[in-house]
Amino acid sequence: MKTKKLTEVLERVEAWPPHVQNELAEFALELDAEFKEGVYWPTPDELAGIDRGLRAAAEGRFANDQQVEAAFAKFRGK
């Protein structure tokens, strides 16, 4: 069984160059392994982001309520 969205994506992928199709296949296999194992392994970029966040928290750098609200308003398009 495939979802409609997955079917549409797979049809588009057929037109991709072989090396790009292989990259997608590798990514899908990684997701499959993580899904089956129930374990998620963050990417190096995600780990770097986590480290930046932990450093900022240790330094007491937090957004105030006004900054948080401004960010949410921006993403809501207000």
C-alpha atoms as a PDB file:
ATOM      1  CA  MET A   1       0.000   0.000   0.000  1.00  0.00           C
ATOM      2  CA  LYS A   2       1.261   3.481  -0.908  1.00  0.00           C
ATOM      3  CA  THR A   3      -0.261   6.819  -0.092  1.00  0.00           C
ATOM      4  CA  LYS A   4      -1.321   9.043  -2.952  1.00  0.00           C
ATOM      5  CA  LYS A   5       1.425  11.522  -2.081  1.00  0.00           C
ATOM      6  CA  LEU A   6       4.116   8.817  -2.106  1.00  0.00           C
ATOM      7  CA  THR A   7       2.856   7.493  -5.443  1.00  0.00           C
ATOM      8  CA  GLU A   8       3.089  10.993  -6.927  1.00  0.00           C
ATOM      9  CA  VAL A   9       6.608  11.489  -5.586  1.00  0.00           C
ATOM     10  CA  LEU A  10       7.809   8.122  -6.891  1.00  0.00           C
ATOM     11  CA  GLU A  11       6.477   8.968 -10.345  1.00  0.00           C
ATOM     12  CA  ARG A  12       8.467  12.219 -10.321  1.00  0.00           C
ATOM     13  CA  VAL A  13      11.598  10.489  -9.020  1.00  0.00           C
ATOM     14  CA  GLU A  14      11.690   8.288 -12.112  1.00  0.00           C
ATOM     15  CA  ALA A  15      12.800  11.346 -14.119  1.00  0.00           C
ATOM     16  CA  TRP A  16      15.673  12.152 -11.733  1.00  0.00           C
ATOM     17  CA  PRO A  17      19.281  11.304 -12.617  1.00  0.00           C
ATOM     18  CA  PRO A  18      20.415   7.907 -11.268  1.00  0.00           C
ATOM     19  CA  HIS A  19      22.827   9.385  -8.709  1.00  0.00           C
ATOM     20  CA  VAL A  20      20.036  11.508  -7.191  1.00  0.00           C
ATOM     21  CA  GLN A  21      17.683   8.504  -7.129  1.00  0.00           C
ATOM     22  CA  ASN A  22      20.396   6.600  -5.262  1.00  0.00           C
ATOM     23  CA  GLU A  23      20.710   9.404  -2.703  1.00  0.00           C
ATOM     24  CA  LEU A  24      16.968   9.264  -2.082  1.00  0.00           C
ATOM     25  CA  ALA A  25      17.123   5.472  -1.773  1.00  0.00           C
ATOM     26  CA  GLU A  26      19.931   5.712   0.811  1.00  0.00           C
ATOM     27  CA  PHE A  27      17.932   8.248   2.802  1.00  0.00           C
ATOM     28  CA  ALA A  28      14.829   6.040   2.644  1.00  0.00           C
ATOM     29  CA  LEU A  29      16.845   3.050   3.864  1.00  0.00           C
ATOM     30  CA  GLU A  30      18.155   5.095   6.788  1.00  0.00           C
ATOM     31  CA  LEU A  31      14.597   6.118   7.689  1.00  0.00           C
ATOM     32  CA  ASP A  32      13.455   2.507   7.415  1.00  0.00           C
ATOM     33  CA  ALA A  33      16.205   1.305   9.742  1.00  0.00           C
ATOM     34  CA  GLU A  34      15.441   4.020  12.288  1.00  0.00           C
ATOM     35  CA  PHE A  35      11.713   3.291  12.082  1.00  0.00           C
ATOM     36  CA  LYS A  36      12.223  -0.427  12.633  1.00  0.00           C
ATOM     37  CA  GLU A  37      14.702   0.074  15.473  1.00  0.00           C
ATOM     38  CA  GLY A  38      12.720   2.855  17.103  1.00  0.00           C
ATOM     39  CA  VAL A  39      15.949   4.831  17.472  1.00  0.00           C
ATOM     40  CA  TYR A  40      16.656   8.205  15.899  1.00  0.00           C
ATOM     41  CA  TRP A  41      20.232   9.256  15.216  1.00  0.00           C
ATOM     42  CA  PRO A  42      20.617  12.985  14.583  1.00  0.00           C
ATOM     43  CA  THR A  43      22.708  14.248  11.701  1.00  0.00           C
ATOM     44  CA  PRO A  44      25.954  16.147  12.333  1.00  0.00           C
ATOM     45  CA  ASP A  45      24.126  19.406  11.488  1.00  0.00           C
ATOM     46  CA  GLU A  46      21.392  18.596  13.997  1.00  0.00           C
ATOM     47  CA  LEU A  47      23.977  17.760  16.652  1.00  0.00           C
ATOM     48  CA  ALA A  48      25.722  21.081  15.995  1.00  0.00           C
ATOM     49  CA  GLY A  49      22.390  22.878  16.434  1.00  0.00           C
ATOM     50  CA  ILE A  50      21.757  21.060  19.692  1.00  0.00           C
ATOM     51  CA  ASP A  51      25.221  22.044  20.914  1.00  0.00           C
ATOM     52  CA  ARG A  52      24.574  25.705  20.002  1.00  0.00           C
ATOM     53  CA  GLY A  53      21.303  25.628  21.902  1.00  0.00           C
ATOM     54  CA  LEU A  54      22.877  24.064  24.967  1.00  0.00           C
ATOM     55  CA  ARG A  55      25.684  26.662  24.955  1.00  0.00           C
ATOM     56  CA  ALA A  56      23.157  29.484  24.621  1.00  0.00           C
ATOM     57  CA  ALA A  57      21.127  28.074  27.513  1.00  0.00           C
ATOM     58  CA  ALA A  58      24.241  27.683  29.678  1.00  0.00           C
ATOM     59  CA  GLU A  59      25.071  31.331  28.954  1.00  0.00           C
ATOM     60  CA  GLY A  60      21.544  32.384  29.903  1.00  0.00           C
ATOM     61  CA  ARG A  61      20.704  33.577  26.395  1.00  0.00           C
ATOM     62  CA  PHE A  62      16.953  33.186  26.158  1.00  0.00           C
ATOM     63  CA  ALA A  63      14.362  35.079  24.167  1.00  0.00           C
ATOM     64  CA  ASN A  64      12.044  37.235  26.232  1.00  0.00           C
ATOM     65  CA  ASP A  65       8.254  36.975  25.886  1.00  0.00           C
ATOM     66  CA  GLN A  66       8.106  39.859  23.409  1.00  0.00           C
ATOM     67  CA  GLN A  67      10.743  38.275  21.151  1.00  0.00           C
ATOM     68  CA  VAL A  68       8.961  34.928  21.231  1.00  0.00           C
ATOM     69  CA  GLU A  69       5.644  36.532  20.333  1.00  0.00           C
ATOM     70  CA  ALA A  70       7.283  38.471  17.477  1.00  0.00           C
ATOM     71  CA  ALA A  71       8.739  35.238  16.074  1.00  0.00           C
ATOM     72  CA  PHE A  72       5.378  33.468  16.256  1.00  0.00           C
ATOM     73  CA  ALA A  73       3.667  36.441  14.621  1.00  0.00           C
ATOM     74  CA  LYS A  74       6.201  36.337  11.788  1.00  0.00           C
ATOM     75  CA  PHE A  75       5.551  32.655  11.138  1.00  0.00           C
ATOM     76  CA  ARG A  76       1.793  33.155  11.350  1.00  0.00           C
ATOM     77  CA  GLY A  77       2.129  35.893   8.719  1.00  0.00           C
ATOM     78  CA  LYS A  78       0.861  38.665  10.978  1.00  0.00           C
END
